């Protein structure tokens, strides 16, 4: 039962972190969109470049967020003694 408790707590934590990160990125995206729409002098090329940069940044931030979430699972596996080595914990968490 203890394993289930830890597992559910970690799942809730990582889902909460992921949701908060995605919402924060969406709010920043809406703010950037409002700025773009308020500037009439931007050409389609400028808007496309900004959007491509924004999509790239969101992708990198999501990858970093997944890395932090995996690190939390690694620490939990290692601390609870579920896996014998940090390498196994990293591989299992990322997989």
Protein backbone atom coordinates (compact mmCIF):
# COMPACT_ATOMS: atom_id res chain seq x y z
CA UNK A 1 0.00 0.00 0.00
CA UNK A 2 2.90 2.35 0.73
CA UNK A 3 4.17 2.00 -2.86
CA UNK A 4 0.76 2.96 -4.21
CA UNK A 5 0.63 5.99 -1.93
CA UNK A 6 4.05 7.21 -3.05
CA UNK A 7 3.22 6.52 -6.68
CA UNK A 8 -0.05 8.42 -6.57
CA UNK A 9 1.55 11.36 -4.78
CA UNK A 10 4.32 11.54 -7.38
CA UNK A 11 1.82 11.28 -10.22
CA UNK A 12 -0.26 14.10 -8.72
CA UNK A 13 2.86 16.24 -8.23
CA UNK A 14 4.15 15.77 -11.76
CA UNK A 15 0.72 16.32 -13.33
CA UNK A 16 0.31 19.52 -11.30
CA UNK A 17 3.77 20.73 -12.32
CA UNK A 18 3.12 19.91 -15.96
CA UNK A 19 -0.29 21.59 -15.96
CA UNK A 20 1.07 24.71 -14.30
CA UNK A 21 3.96 24.88 -16.77
CA UNK A 22 1.70 24.48 -19.80
CA UNK A 23 -0.76 27.10 -18.50
CA UNK A 24 2.08 29.54 -17.80
CA UNK A 25 3.44 29.04 -21.32
CA UNK A 26 -0.05 29.55 -22.78
CA UNK A 27 -0.50 32.80 -20.84
CA UNK A 28 2.85 34.08 -22.09
CA UNK A 29 1.83 33.08 -25.62
CA UNK A 30 -1.42 35.05 -25.32
CA UNK A 31 0.52 38.07 -24.07
CA UNK A 32 2.93 37.85 -27.00
CA UNK A 33 0.02 37.50 -29.42
CA UNK A 34 -1.61 40.65 -28.00
CA UNK A 35 1.64 42.55 -28.49
CA UNK A 36 1.95 41.32 -32.06
CA UNK A 37 -1.64 42.30 -32.88
CA UNK A 38 -1.16 45.78 -31.43
CA UNK A 39 1.75 46.51 -33.76
CA UNK A 40 0.51 47.29 -37.24
CA UNK A 41 3.96 47.69 -38.76
CA UNK A 42 4.96 44.02 -38.47
CA UNK A 43 5.08 42.12 -41.72
CA UNK A 44 4.06 38.52 -42.21
CA UNK A 45 7.74 37.57 -42.22
CA UNK A 46 8.26 39.13 -38.78
CA UNK A 47 5.15 37.49 -37.35
CA UNK A 48 6.19 34.10 -38.77
CA UNK A 49 9.68 34.46 -37.27
CA UNK A 50 8.22 35.35 -33.88
CA UNK A 51 5.83 32.38 -34.02
CA UNK A 52 8.59 29.96 -35.03
CA UNK A 53 10.75 31.24 -32.16
CA UNK A 54 7.85 30.93 -29.75
CA UNK A 55 7.09 27.36 -30.81
CA UNK A 56 10.77 26.45 -30.47
CA UNK A 57 10.94 28.03 -27.01
CA UNK A 58 7.81 26.19 -25.87
CA UNK A 59 9.28 22.92 -27.12
CA UNK A 60 12.52 23.49 -25.21
CA UNK A 61 10.65 24.52 -22.07
CA UNK A 62 8.47 21.40 -22.25
CA UNK A 63 11.57 19.24 -22.62
CA UNK A 64 13.13 20.93 -19.58
CA UNK A 65 9.91 20.47 -17.63
CA UNK A 66 9.87 16.77 -18.49
CA UNK A 67 13.49 16.57 -17.32
CA UNK A 68 12.59 18.09 -13.94
CA UNK A 69 9.64 15.71 -13.61
CA UNK A 70 11.85 12.72 -14.45
CA UNK A 71 14.43 13.92 -11.91
CA UNK A 72 11.75 13.90 -9.21
CA UNK A 73 10.93 10.28 -10.10
CA UNK A 74 14.65 9.39 -10.09
CA UNK A 75 15.04 10.85 -6.61
CA UNK A 76 11.97 8.97 -5.39
CA UNK A 77 13.10 5.64 -6.85
CA UNK A 78 16.56 6.07 -5.39
CA UNK A 79 15.39 7.35 -1.96
CA UNK A 80 12.79 4.60 -1.58
CA UNK A 81 15.26 1.92 -2.66
CA UNK A 82 13.07 0.78 -5.53
CA UNK A 83 16.05 0.57 -7.91
CA UNK A 84 19.62 -0.40 -7.13
CA UNK A 85 21.55 2.26 -9.01
CA UNK A 86 21.08 5.87 -10.03
CA UNK A 87 21.62 4.85 -13.66
CA UNK A 88 18.75 2.37 -13.49
CA UNK A 89 16.57 5.00 -11.81
CA UNK A 90 17.34 7.52 -14.57
CA UNK A 91 16.68 5.04 -17.36
CA UNK A 92 13.45 3.85 -15.75
CA UNK A 93 12.22 7.39 -15.10
CA UNK A 94 12.93 8.67 -18.58
CA UNK A 95 11.43 5.59 -20.21
